[in-house]
């Protein structure tokens, strides 16, 4: 289904090569410039990258300390499983 035009207006480039967008819903946009002069703005919502919790980091540190001390379990036997090619 094609998008519906909500607002249409003209703008001009200022002396620093910027344009002003009025009453926009988004703060960030992905910009595509075409060789015929068209500029396409697509709204983007930026999110924080995946972060590892403090508890997980503490557990990983504890596990590495145990590994370095040699406090490890017996190796897991995977011989009963088929190999995947």
PDB file of N, CA and C in Angstrom:
ATOM      1  N   UNK A   1       0.847  -1.168   0.000  1.00  0.00           N
ATOM      2  CA  UNK A   1       0.000   0.000   0.000  1.00  0.00           C
ATOM      3  C   UNK A   1       0.897   1.236   0.000  1.00  0.00           C
ATOM      4  N   UNK A   2       0.712   2.165  -0.939  1.00  0.00           N
ATOM      5  CA  UNK A   2       1.563   3.352  -1.011  1.00  0.00           C
ATOM      6  C   UNK A   2       1.325   4.281   0.183  1.00  0.00           C
ATOM      7  N   UNK A   3       2.363   5.007   0.548  1.00  0.00           N
ATOM      8  CA  UNK A   3       2.263   5.958   1.659  1.00  0.00           C
ATOM      9  C   UNK A   3       1.448   7.171   1.233  1.00  0.00           C
ATOM     10  N   UNK A   4       0.738   7.753   2.185  1.00  0.00           N
ATOM     11  CA  UNK A   4      -0.098   8.921   1.935  1.00  0.00           C
ATOM     12  C   UNK A   4       0.678  10.184   2.287  1.00  0.00           C
ATOM     13  N   UNK A   5       0.580  11.214   1.448  1.00  0.00           N
ATOM     14  CA  UNK A   5       1.227  12.489   1.728  1.00  0.00           C
ATOM     15  C   UNK A   5       0.504  13.172   2.877  1.00  0.00           C
ATOM     16  N   UNK A   6       1.236  13.489   3.927  1.00  0.00           N
ATOM     17  CA  UNK A   6       0.657  14.150   5.092  1.00  0.00           C
ATOM     18  C   UNK A   6       0.870  15.654   5.011  1.00  0.00           C
ATOM     19  N   UNK A   7       2.025  16.071   4.521  1.00  0.00           N
ATOM     20  CA  UNK A   7       2.368  17.481   4.443  1.00  0.00           C
ATOM     21  C   UNK A   7       3.262  17.677   3.227  1.00  0.00           C
ATOM     22  N   UNK A   8       3.102  18.797   2.552  1.00  0.00           N
ATOM     23  CA  UNK A   8       3.936  19.103   1.396  1.00  0.00           C
ATOM     24  C   UNK A   8       4.331  20.574   1.470  1.00  0.00           C
ATOM     25  N   UNK A   9       5.620  20.855   1.402  1.00  0.00           N
ATOM     26  CA  UNK A   9       6.082  22.241   1.439  1.00  0.00           C
ATOM     27  C   UNK A   9       7.418  22.337   0.736  1.00  0.00           C
ATOM     28  N   UNK A  10       7.789  23.559   0.360  1.00  0.00           N
ATOM     29  CA  UNK A  10       9.071  23.820  -0.284  1.00  0.00           C
ATOM     30  C   UNK A  10      10.053  24.333   0.762  1.00  0.00           C
ATOM     31  N   UNK A  11      11.297  24.006   0.572  1.00  0.00           N
ATOM     32  CA  UNK A  11      12.353  24.491   1.459  1.00  0.00           C
ATOM     33  C   UNK A  11      13.544  24.861   0.606  1.00  0.00           C
ATOM     34  N   UNK A  12      14.447  25.648   1.163  1.00  0.00           N
ATOM     35  CA  UNK A  12      15.639  26.014   0.401  1.00  0.00           C
ATOM     36  C   UNK A  12      16.875  25.687   1.212  1.00  0.00           C
ATOM     37  N   UNK A  13      17.965  25.477   0.524  1.00  0.00           N
ATOM     38  CA  UNK A  13      19.237  25.182   1.171  1.00  0.00           C
ATOM     39  C   UNK A  13      19.834  26.493   1.659  1.00  0.00           C
ATOM     40  N   UNK A  14      20.283  26.530   2.923  1.00  0.00           N
ATOM     41  CA  UNK A  14      20.883  27.754   3.451  1.00  0.00           C
ATOM     42  C   UNK A  14      22.358  27.826   3.055  1.00  0.00           C
ATOM     43  N   UNK A  15      23.059  28.837   3.565  1.00  0.00           N
ATOM     44  CA  UNK A  15      24.451  29.061   3.165  1.00  0.00           C
ATOM     45  C   UNK A  15      25.388  27.936   3.599  1.00  0.00           C
ATOM     46  N   UNK A  16      24.969  27.138   4.586  1.00  0.00           N
ATOM     47  CA  UNK A  16      25.786  26.013   5.037  1.00  0.00           C
ATOM     48  C   UNK A  16      25.302  24.694   4.453  1.00  0.00           C
ATOM     49  N   UNK A  17      24.515  24.760   3.387  1.00  0.00           N
ATOM     50  CA  UNK A  17      24.009  23.579   2.661  1.00  0.00           C
ATOM     51  C   UNK A  17      23.100  22.713   3.528  1.00  0.00           C
ATOM     52  N   UNK A  18      22.244  23.331   4.357  1.00  0.00           N
ATOM     53  CA  UNK A  18      21.304  22.614   5.214  1.00  0.00           C
ATOM     54  C   UNK A  18      19.882  22.954   4.793  1.00  0.00           C
ATOM     55  N   UNK A  19      18.960  22.025   5.088  1.00  0.00           N
ATOM     56  CA  UNK A  19      17.539  22.310   4.898  1.00  0.00           C
ATOM     57  C   UNK A  19      16.842  22.172   6.247  1.00  0.00           C
ATOM     58  N   UNK A  20      15.691  22.813   6.369  1.00  0.00           N
ATOM     59  CA  UNK A  20      14.927  22.750   7.606  1.00  0.00           C
ATOM     60  C   UNK A  20      13.695  21.895   7.381  1.00  0.00           C
ATOM     61  N   UNK A  21      13.509  20.896   8.246  1.00  0.00           N
ATOM     62  CA  UNK A  21      12.315  20.058   8.216  1.00  0.00           C
ATOM     63  C   UNK A  21      11.405  20.517   9.344  1.00  0.00           C
ATOM     64  N   UNK A  22      10.129  20.736   9.037  1.00  0.00           N
ATOM     65  CA  UNK A  22       9.200  21.258  10.037  1.00  0.00           C
ATOM     66  C   UNK A  22       8.346  20.153  10.641  1.00  0.00           C
ATOM     67  N   UNK A  23       8.189  20.195  11.950  1.00  0.00           N
ATOM     68  CA  UNK A  23       7.288  19.303  12.689  1.00  0.00           C
ATOM     69  C   UNK A  23       7.493  17.825  12.356  1.00  0.00           C
ATOM     70  N   UNK A  24       8.735  17.367  12.391  1.00  0.00           N
ATOM     71  CA  UNK A  24       9.017  15.966  12.086  1.00  0.00           C
ATOM     72  C   UNK A  24       8.834  15.102  13.330  1.00  0.00           C
ATOM     73  N   UNK A  25       8.500  13.836  13.118  1.00  0.00           N
ATOM     74  CA  UNK A  25       8.269  12.909  14.220  1.00  0.00           C
ATOM     75  C   UNK A  25       9.542  12.200  14.667  1.00  0.00           C
ATOM     76  N   UNK A  26      10.579  12.216  13.821  1.00  0.00           N
ATOM     77  CA  UNK A  26      11.809  11.488  14.130  1.00  0.00           C
ATOM     78  C   UNK A  26      12.976  12.457  14.226  1.00  0.00           C
ATOM     79  N   UNK A  27      13.996  12.045  14.973  1.00  0.00           N
ATOM     80  CA  UNK A  27      15.182  12.876  15.138  1.00  0.00           C
ATOM     81  C   UNK A  27      16.296  12.476  14.168  1.00  0.00           C
ATOM     82  N   UNK A  28      16.344  11.204  13.779  1.00  0.00           N
ATOM     83  CA  UNK A  28      17.400  10.697  12.908  1.00  0.00           C
ATOM     84  C   UNK A  28      16.811  10.167  11.607  1.00  0.00           C
ATOM     85  N   UNK A  29      17.562  10.363  10.515  1.00  0.00           N
ATOM     86  CA  UNK A  29      17.122   9.921   9.196  1.00  0.00           C
ATOM     87  C   UNK A  29      18.277   9.269   8.455  1.00  0.00           C
ATOM     88  N   UNK A  30      17.942   8.301   7.616  1.00  0.00           N
ATOM     89  CA  UNK A  30      18.900   7.724   6.673  1.00  0.00           C
ATOM     90  C   UNK A  30      18.733   8.514   5.380  1.00  0.00           C
ATOM     91  N   UNK A  31      19.834   8.976   4.809  1.00  0.00           N
ATOM     92  CA  UNK A  31      19.789   9.851   3.637  1.00  0.00           C
ATOM     93  C   UNK A  31      20.325   9.110   2.424  1.00  0.00           C
ATOM     94  N   UNK A  32      19.598   9.205   1.311  1.00  0.00           N
ATOM     95  CA  UNK A  32      20.070   8.692   0.028  1.00  0.00           C
ATOM     96  C   UNK A  32      20.010   9.834  -0.976  1.00  0.00           C
ATOM     97  N   UNK A  33      21.148  10.111  -1.617  1.00  0.00           N
ATOM     98  CA  UNK A  33      21.212  11.153  -2.639  1.00  0.00           C
ATOM     99  C   UNK A  33      21.327  10.486  -4.002  1.00  0.00           C
ATOM    100  N   UNK A  34      20.516  10.924  -4.948  1.00  0.00           N
ATOM    101  CA  UNK A  34      20.506  10.354  -6.291  1.00  0.00           C
ATOM    102  C   UNK A  34      21.167  11.313  -7.273  1.00  0.00           C
ATOM    103  N   UNK A  35      21.669  10.757  -8.385  1.00  0.00           N
ATOM    104  CA  UNK A  35      22.383  11.575  -9.359  1.00  0.00           C
ATOM    105  C   UNK A  35      21.491  12.589 -10.068  1.00  0.00           C
ATOM    106  N   UNK A  36      20.174  12.424 -10.004  1.00  0.00           N
ATOM    107  CA  UNK A  36      19.277  13.400 -10.625  1.00  0.00           C
ATOM    108  C   UNK A  36      18.886  14.533  -9.666  1.00  0.00           C
ATOM    109  N   UNK A  37      19.489  14.564  -8.453  1.00  0.00           N
ATOM    110  CA  UNK A  37      19.236  15.646  -7.509  1.00  0.00           C
ATOM    111  C   UNK A  37      18.245  15.316  -6.408  1.00  0.00           C
ATOM    112  N   UNK A  38      17.564  14.173  -6.532  1.00  0.00           N
ATOM    113  CA  UNK A  38      16.600  13.804  -5.489  1.00  0.00           C
ATOM    114  C   UNK A  38      17.333  13.413  -4.215  1.00  0.00           C
ATOM    115  N   UNK A  39      16.717  13.721  -3.075  1.00  0.00           N
ATOM    116  CA  UNK A  39      17.227  13.319  -1.768  1.00  0.00           C
ATOM    117  C   UNK A  39      16.103  12.587  -1.056  1.00  0.00           C
ATOM    118  N   UNK A  40      16.372  11.368  -0.614  1.00  0.00           N
ATOM    119  CA  UNK A  40      15.375  10.560   0.080  1.00  0.00           C
ATOM    120  C   UNK A  40      15.770  10.449   1.548  1.00  0.00           C
ATOM    121  N   UNK A  41      14.851  10.823   2.437  1.00  0.00           N
ATOM    122  CA  UNK A  41      15.070  10.707   3.878  1.00  0.00           C
ATOM    123  C   UNK A  41      14.160   9.618   4.411  1.00  0.00           C
ATOM    124  N   UNK A  42      14.731   8.634   5.090  1.00  0.00           N
ATOM    125  CA  UNK A  42      13.939   7.582   5.717  1.00  0.00           C
ATOM    126  C   UNK A  42      14.164   7.658   7.217  1.00  0.00           C
ATOM    127  N   UNK A  43      13.091   7.722   8.015  1.00  0.00           N
ATOM    128  CA  UNK A  43      13.267   7.851   9.461  1.00  0.00           C
ATOM    129  C   UNK A  43      13.949   6.633  10.066  1.00  0.00           C
ATOM    130  N   UNK A  44      14.782   6.895  11.073  1.00  0.00           N
ATOM    131  CA  UNK A  44      15.493   5.839  11.788  1.00  0.00           C
ATOM    132  C   UNK A  44      15.275   6.048  13.277  1.00  0.00           C
ATOM    133  N   UNK A  45      15.098   4.951  13.986  1.00  0.00           N
ATOM    134  CA  UNK A  45      15.057   5.000  15.439  1.00  0.00           C
ATOM    135  C   UNK A  45      16.302   4.302  15.940  1.00  0.00           C
ATOM    136  N   UNK A  46      17.201   5.055  16.536  1.00  0.00           N
ATOM    137  CA  UNK A  46      18.453   4.491  17.014  1.00  0.00           C
ATOM    138  C   UNK A  46      18.235   3.867  18.381  1.00  0.00           C
ATOM    139  N   UNK A  47      18.825   2.709  18.576  1.00  0.00           N
ATOM    140  CA  UNK A  47      18.714   2.015  19.856  1.00  0.00           C
ATOM    141  C   UNK A  47      20.106   1.750  20.397  1.00  0.00           C
ATOM    142  N   UNK A  48      20.179   1.494  21.674  1.00  0.00           N
ATOM    143  CA  UNK A  48      21.458   1.150  22.281  1.00  0.00           C
ATOM    144  C   UNK A  48      21.885  -0.219  21.772  1.00  0.00           C
ATOM    145  N   UNK A  49      23.173  -0.392  21.532  1.00  0.00           N
ATOM    146  CA  UNK A  49      23.633  -1.720  21.127  1.00  0.00           C
ATOM    147  C   UNK A  49      23.418  -2.721  22.257  1.00  0.00           C
ATOM    148  N   UNK A  50      23.401  -3.990  21.888  1.00  0.00           N
ATOM    149  CA  UNK A  50      23.205  -5.047  22.878  1.00  0.00           C
ATOM    150  C   UNK A  50      24.255  -4.916  23.975  1.00  0.00           C
ATOM    151  N   UNK A  51      23.794  -4.889  25.216  1.00  0.00           N
ATOM    152  CA  UNK A  51      24.712  -4.768  26.336  1.00  0.00           C
ATOM    153  C   UNK A  51      24.610  -6.006  27.220  1.00  0.00           C
ATOM    154  N   UNK A  52      25.752  -6.450  27.712  1.00  0.00           N
ATOM    155  CA  UNK A  52      25.800  -7.604  28.605  1.00  0.00           C
ATOM    156  C   UNK A  52      25.597  -7.089  30.029  1.00  0.00           C
ATOM    157  N   UNK A  53      24.735  -7.745  30.797  1.00  0.00           N
ATOM    158  CA  UNK A  53      24.428  -7.295  32.156  1.00  0.00           C
ATOM    159  C   UNK A  53      25.633  -7.458  33.082  1.00  0.00           C
ATOM    160  N   UNK A  54      25.632  -6.682  34.160  1.00  0.00           N
ATOM    161  CA  UNK A  54      26.699  -6.762  35.163  1.00  0.00           C
ATOM    162  C   UNK A  54      26.801  -8.170  35.744  1.00  0.00           C
ATOM    163  N   UNK A  55      25.651  -8.789  36.003  1.00  0.00           N
ATOM    164  CA  UNK A  55      25.638 -10.136  36.579  1.00  0.00           C
ATOM    165  C   UNK A  55      26.313 -11.138  35.639  1.00  0.00           C
ATOM    166  N   UNK A  56      26.028 -11.027  34.351  1.00  0.00           N
ATOM    167  CA  UNK A  56      26.639 -11.928  33.370  1.00  0.00           C
ATOM    168  C   UNK A  56      28.146 -11.713  33.307  1.00  0.00           C
ATOM    169  N   UNK A  57      28.579 -10.451  33.335  1.00  0.00           N
ATOM    170  CA  UNK A  57      30.016 -10.163  33.302  1.00  0.00           C
ATOM    171  C   UNK A  57      30.724 -10.734  34.532  1.00  0.00           C
ATOM    172  N   UNK A  58      30.101 -10.618  35.707  1.00  0.00           N
ATOM    173  CA  UNK A  58      30.689 -11.180  36.930  1.00  0.00           C
ATOM    174  C   UNK A  58      30.797 -12.697  36.828  1.00  0.00           C
ATOM    175  N   UNK A  59      29.759 -13.338  36.283  1.00  0.00           N
ATOM    176  CA  UNK A  59      29.762 -14.796  36.125  1.00  0.00           C
ATOM    177  C   UNK A  59      30.863 -15.228  35.154  1.00  0.00           C
ATOM    178  N   UNK A  60      31.047 -14.476  34.070  1.00  0.00           N
ATOM    179  CA  UNK A  60      32.098 -14.803  33.109  1.00  0.00           C
ATOM    180  C   UNK A  60      33.480 -14.655  33.747  1.00  0.00           C
ATOM    181  N   UNK A  61      33.672 -13.586  34.535  1.00  0.00           N
ATOM    182  CA  UNK A  61      34.955 -13.398  35.227  1.00  0.00           C
ATOM    183  C   UNK A  61      35.225 -14.545  36.192  1.00  0.00           C
ATOM    184  N   UNK A  62      34.206 -14.941  36.941  1.00  0.00           N
ATOM    185  CA  UNK A  62      34.343 -16.054  37.887  1.00  0.00           C
ATOM    186  C   UNK A  62      34.675 -17.352  37.155  1.00  0.00           C
ATOM    187  N   UNK A  63      34.017 -17.591  36.036  1.00  0.00           N
ATOM    188  CA  UNK A  63      34.267 -18.810  35.256  1.00  0.00           C
ATOM    189  C   UNK A  63      35.693 -18.840  34.733  1.00  0.00           C
ATOM    190  N   UNK A  64      36.204 -17.706  34.265  1.00  0.00           N
ATOM    191  CA  UNK A  64      37.572 -17.666  33.748  1.00  0.00           C
ATOM    192  C   UNK A  64      38.595 -17.868  34.866  1.00  0.00           C
ATOM    193  N   UNK A  65      38.311 -17.333  36.050  1.00  0.00           N
ATOM    194  CA  UNK A  65      39.217 -17.556  37.185  1.00  0.00           C
ATOM    195  C   UNK A  65      39.278 -19.045  37.519  1.00  0.00           C
ATOM    196  N   UNK A  66      38.110 -19.696  37.554  1.00  0.00           N
ATOM    197  CA  UNK A  66      38.069 -21.140  37.821  1.00  0.00           C
ATOM    198  C   UNK A  66      38.798 -21.916  36.733  1.00  0.00           C
ATOM    199  N   UNK A  67      38.624 -21.522  35.479  1.00  0.00           N
ATOM    200  CA  UNK A  67      39.287 -22.190  34.362  1.00  0.00           C
ATOM    201  C   UNK A  67      40.803 -22.075  34.502  1.00  0.00           C
ATOM    202  N   UNK A  68      41.272 -20.877  34.825  1.00  0.00           N
ATOM    203  CA  UNK A  68      42.718 -20.667  34.973  1.00  0.00           C
ATOM    204  C   UNK A  68      43.293 -21.435  36.157  1.00  0.00           C
ATOM    205  N   UNK A  69      42.485 -21.685  37.176  1.00  0.00           N
ATOM    206  CA  UNK A  69      42.923 -22.473  38.338  1.00  0.00           C
ATOM    207  C   UNK A  69      42.826 -23.970  38.073  1.00  0.00           C
ATOM    208  N   UNK A  70      42.200 -24.353  36.976  1.00  0.00           N
ATOM    209  CA  UNK A  70      42.036 -25.766  36.657  1.00  0.00           C
ATOM    210  C   UNK A  70      40.794 -26.381  37.265  1.00  0.00           C
ATOM    211  N   UNK A  71      39.905 -25.570  37.803  1.00  0.00           N
ATOM    212  CA  UNK A  71      38.657 -26.066  38.393  1.00  0.00           C
ATOM    213  C   UNK A  71      37.604 -26.168  37.293  1.00  0.00           C
ATOM    214  N   UNK A  72      37.688 -27.265  36.540  1.00  0.00           N
ATOM    215  CA  UNK A  72      36.779 -27.451  35.409  1.00  0.00           C
ATOM    216  C   UNK A  72      36.123 -28.822  35.497  1.00  0.00           C
ATOM    217  N   UNK A  73      35.013 -28.974  34.785  1.00  0.00           N
ATOM    218  CA  UNK A  73      34.322 -30.269  34.770  1.00  0.00           C
ATOM    219  C   UNK A  73      34.980 -31.188  33.748  1.00  0.00           C
ATOM    220  N   UNK A  74      34.546 -32.434  33.738  1.00  0.00           N
ATOM    221  CA  UNK A  74      35.036 -33.401  32.760  1.00  0.00           C
ATOM    222  C   UNK A  74      34.574 -32.976  31.364  1.00  0.00           C
ATOM    223  N   UNK A  75      35.343 -33.305  30.322  1.00  0.00           N
ATOM    224  CA  UNK A  75      34.926 -32.959  28.962  1.00  0.00           C
ATOM    225  C   UNK A  75      33.601 -33.631  28.595  1.00  0.00           C
ATOM    226  N   UNK A  76      32.812 -32.956  27.798  1.00  0.00           N
ATOM    227  CA  UNK A  76      31.527 -33.491  27.346  1.00  0.00           C
ATOM    228  C   UNK A  76      31.786 -34.416  26.167  1.00  0.00           C
ATOM    229  N   UNK A  77      31.166 -35.602  26.170  1.00  0.00           N
ATOM    230  CA  UNK A  77      31.341 -36.587  25.103  1.00  0.00           C
ATOM    231  C   UNK A  77      30.264 -36.381  24.041  1.00  0.00           C
ATOM    232  N   UNK A  78      30.669 -35.901  22.878  1.00  0.00           N
ATOM    233  CA  UNK A  78      29.741 -35.660  21.776  1.00  0.00           C
ATOM    234  C   UNK A  78      29.763 -36.789  20.749  1.00  0.00           C
ATOM    235  N   UNK A  79      30.439 -37.879  21.031  1.00  0.00           N
ATOM    236  CA  UNK A  79      30.598 -38.951  20.049  1.00  0.00           C
ATOM    237  C   UNK A  79      29.276 -39.634  19.700  1.00  0.00           C
ATOM    238  N   UNK A  80      28.276 -39.531  20.558  1.00  0.00           N
ATOM    239  CA  UNK A  80      26.993 -40.182  20.264  1.00  0.00           C
ATOM    240  C   UNK A  80      26.160 -39.385  19.253  1.00  0.00           C
ATOM    241  N   UNK A  81      26.590 -38.178  18.919  1.00  0.00           N
ATOM    242  CA  UNK A  81      25.854 -37.343  17.964  1.00  0.00           C
ATOM    243  C   UNK A  81      26.452 -37.475  16.572  1.00  0.00           C
ATOM    244  N   UNK A  82      25.602 -37.339  15.571  1.00  0.00           N
ATOM    245  CA  UNK A  82      26.065 -37.403  14.187  1.00  0.00           C
ATOM    246  C   UNK A  82      26.772 -36.106  13.820  1.00  0.00           C
ATOM    247  N   UNK A  83      27.717 -36.221  12.910  1.00  0.00           N
ATOM    248  CA  UNK A  83      28.385 -35.012  12.433  1.00  0.00           C
ATOM    249  C   UNK A  83      27.508 -34.335  11.389  1.00  0.00           C
ATOM    250  N   UNK A  84      27.508 -33.040  11.407  1.00  0.00           N
ATOM    251  CA  UNK A  84      26.722 -32.252  10.447  1.00  0.00           C
ATOM    252  C   UNK A  84      27.676 -31.696   9.412  1.00  0.00           C
ATOM    253  N   UNK A  85      27.354 -31.902   8.155  1.00  0.00           N
ATOM    254  CA  UNK A  85      28.228 -31.413   7.079  1.00  0.00           C
ATOM    255  C   UNK A  85      27.646 -30.203   6.437  1.00  0.00           C
TER     256      UNK A  85
END
